[in-house]
C-alpha atoms as a PDB file:
ATOM      1  CA  UNK A   1     102.072  96.584 114.822  1.00  0.00           C
ATOM      2  CA  UNK A   2     102.400  97.843 111.257  1.00  0.00           C
ATOM      3  CA  UNK A   3     101.563  96.378 107.804  1.00  0.00           C
ATOM      4  CA  UNK A   4     104.566  96.670 105.518  1.00  0.00           C
ATOM      5  CA  UNK A   5     104.903  96.085 101.796  1.00  0.00           C
ATOM      6  CA  UNK A   6     107.650  93.466 101.366  1.00  0.00           C
ATOM      7  CA  UNK A   7     109.199  91.537  98.520  1.00  0.00           C
ATOM      8  CA  UNK A   8     111.117  88.227  98.725  1.00  0.00           C
ATOM      9  CA  UNK A   9     110.860  85.135 100.817  1.00  0.00           C
ATOM     10  CA  UNK A  10     111.592  84.303 104.527  1.00  0.00           C
ATOM     11  CA  UNK A  11     114.742  86.076 105.833  1.00  0.00           C
ATOM     12  CA  UNK A  12     115.313  87.582 102.424  1.00  0.00           C
ATOM     13  CA  UNK A  13     112.395  89.978 102.545  1.00  0.00           C
ATOM     14  CA  UNK A  14     112.939  93.527 101.662  1.00  0.00           C
ATOM     15  CA  UNK A  15     110.976  96.538 102.879  1.00  0.00           C
ATOM     16  CA  UNK A  16     109.681  99.339 100.687  1.00  0.00           C
ATOM     17  CA  UNK A  17     112.022 102.344 101.466  1.00  0.00           C
ATOM     18  CA  UNK A  18     112.535 105.925 100.398  1.00  0.00           C
ATOM     19  CA  UNK A  19     115.616 107.962 100.707  1.00  0.00           C
ATOM     20  CA  UNK A  20     119.244 106.950 100.223  1.00  0.00           C
ATOM     21  CA  UNK A  21     121.457 104.158 101.509  1.00  0.00           C
ATOM     22  CA  UNK A  22     122.753 106.363 104.333  1.00  0.00           C
ATOM     23  CA  UNK A  23     119.385 107.997 105.240  1.00  0.00           C
ATOM     24  CA  UNK A  24     116.294 105.862 104.591  1.00  0.00           C
ATOM     25  CA  UNK A  25     112.759 105.558 105.954  1.00  0.00           C
ATOM     26  CA  UNK A  26     110.507 102.536 105.697  1.00  0.00           C
ATOM     27  CA  UNK A  27     106.990 102.914 104.338  1.00  0.00           C
ATOM     28  CA  UNK A  28     104.368 101.322 106.678  1.00  0.00           C
ATOM     29  CA  UNK A  29     100.581 101.233 106.977  1.00  0.00           C
ATOM     30  CA  UNK A  30      98.384 101.247 110.037  1.00  0.00           C
ATOM     31  CA  UNK A  31      95.956  98.543 108.794  1.00  0.00           C
ATOM     32  CA  UNK A  32      95.350  96.206 105.945  1.00  0.00           C
ATOM     33  CA  UNK A  33      92.687  98.503 104.614  1.00  0.00           C
ATOM     34  CA  UNK A  34      95.192 101.346 104.535  1.00  0.00           C
ATOM     35  CA  UNK A  35      97.727  99.085 103.049  1.00  0.00           C
ATOM     36  CA  UNK A  36      95.326  98.275 100.194  1.00  0.00           C
ATOM     37  CA  UNK A  37      94.711 101.959  99.520  1.00  0.00           C
ATOM     38  CA  UNK A  38      98.415 102.760  99.672  1.00  0.00           C
ATOM     39  CA  UNK A  39      99.194  99.796  97.384  1.00  0.00           C
ATOM     40  CA  UNK A  40      96.860 101.236  94.787  1.00  0.00           C
ATOM     41  CA  UNK A  41      98.136 104.896  95.335  1.00  0.00           C
ATOM     42  CA  UNK A  42     101.833 103.798  94.933  1.00  0.00           C
ATOM     43  CA  UNK A  43     100.931 101.414  91.996  1.00  0.00           C
ATOM     44  CA  UNK A  44     102.937  98.656  93.555  1.00  0.00           C
ATOM     45  CA  UNK A  45     103.354  95.151  92.020  1.00  0.00           C
ATOM     46  CA  UNK A  46     104.799  91.970  93.459  1.00  0.00           C
ATOM     47  CA  UNK A  47     104.828  93.338  97.077  1.00  0.00           C
ATOM     48  CA  UNK A  48     103.004  91.350  99.841  1.00  0.00           C
ATOM     49  CA  UNK A  49     101.577  92.777 103.099  1.00  0.00           C
ATOM     50  CA  UNK A  50     103.595  91.631 106.084  1.00  0.00           C
ATOM     51  CA  UNK A  51     102.733  92.356 109.794  1.00  0.00           C
ATOM     52  CA  UNK A  52     105.797  93.816 111.580  1.00  0.00           C
ATOM     53  CA  UNK A  53     105.999  94.449 115.248  1.00  0.00           C
ATOM     54  CA  UNK A  54     107.133  97.690 116.891  1.00  0.00           C
ATOM     55  CA  UNK A  55     110.015  95.704 118.428  1.00  0.00           C
ATOM     56  CA  UNK A  56     111.595  95.137 115.049  1.00  0.00           C
ATOM     57  CA  UNK A  57     111.646  98.928 114.286  1.00  0.00           C
ATOM     58  CA  UNK A  58     112.882  99.688 117.815  1.00  0.00           C
ATOM     59  CA  UNK A  59     115.827  97.292 117.175  1.00  0.00           C
ATOM     60  CA  UNK A  60     116.476  98.812 113.796  1.00  0.00           C
ATOM     61  CA  UNK A  61     116.529 102.323 115.337  1.00  0.00           C
ATOM     62  CA  UNK A  62     119.072 101.183 117.842  1.00  0.00           C
ATOM     63  CA  UNK A  63     121.317  99.312 115.467  1.00  0.00           C
ATOM     64  CA  UNK A  64     121.260 100.920 112.040  1.00  0.00           C
ATOM     65  CA  UNK A  65     122.674 104.414 111.756  1.00  0.00           C
ATOM     66  CA  UNK A  66     121.166 104.837 108.242  1.00  0.00           C
ATOM     67  CA  UNK A  67     117.616 104.203 109.345  1.00  0.00           C
ATOM     68  CA  UNK A  68     115.893 107.438 110.066  1.00  0.00           C
ATOM     69  CA  UNK A  69     112.233 106.414 110.698  1.00  0.00           C
ATOM     70  CA  UNK A  70     108.949 105.481 109.170  1.00  0.00           C
ATOM     71  CA  UNK A  71     106.423 107.002 106.849  1.00  0.00           C
ATOM     72  CA  UNK A  72     102.950 106.038 108.081  1.00  0.00           C
ATOM     73  CA  UNK A  73     100.097 105.784 105.532  1.00  0.00           C
ATOM     74  CA  UNK A  74     101.900 107.652 102.751  1.00  0.00           C
ATOM     75  CA  UNK A  75      98.731 107.976 100.640  1.00  0.00           C
ATOM     76  CA  UNK A  76      96.673 109.820 103.188  1.00  0.00           C
ATOM     77  CA  UNK A  77      98.244 110.789 106.575  1.00  0.00           C
ATOM     78  CA  UNK A  78     101.839 110.792 105.410  1.00  0.00           C
ATOM     79  CA  UNK A  79     103.047 110.929 108.979  1.00  0.00           C
ATOM     80  CA  UNK A  80     106.770 110.712 109.600  1.00  0.00           C
ATOM     81  CA  UNK A  81     107.713 108.793 112.759  1.00  0.00           C
ATOM     82  CA  UNK A  82     111.280 109.538 113.564  1.00  0.00           C
ATOM     83  CA  UNK A  83     113.939 107.160 114.671  1.00  0.00           C
ATOM     84  CA  UNK A  84     113.943 108.834 118.106  1.00  0.00           C
ATOM     85  CA  UNK A  85     110.185 108.289 118.545  1.00  0.00           C
ATOM     86  CA  UNK A  86     110.824 104.558 118.004  1.00  0.00           C
ATOM     87  CA  UNK A  87     113.434 104.358 120.813  1.00  0.00           C
END
C-alpha cells in the first residue's frame, strides 16, 4: 500500500508523475507522515493523499509500456522501484 498525491475526482484522478509521456514514474510515499513531509518538500498544492494498493501498480506494470516504475519518498529515501520489481 502506498500513499499517492492525486488531483481530480473519482475515476478522473491523476497521479503525480515525473518523466515523459513514453517513460514515466509515479511519485509515491510509504506513509501519511512521509506524504506530508514530501508534500511540503515538493511545494504541492491542490493534491490530496490517496491510498493505492500494490495491485494497481502491478496491473499498470503489466499493461502500460510507458510506465517505468515508482519513486518512493522522493524527499528522503528517493528510492526507485522499477517496473520489473512490481511484476
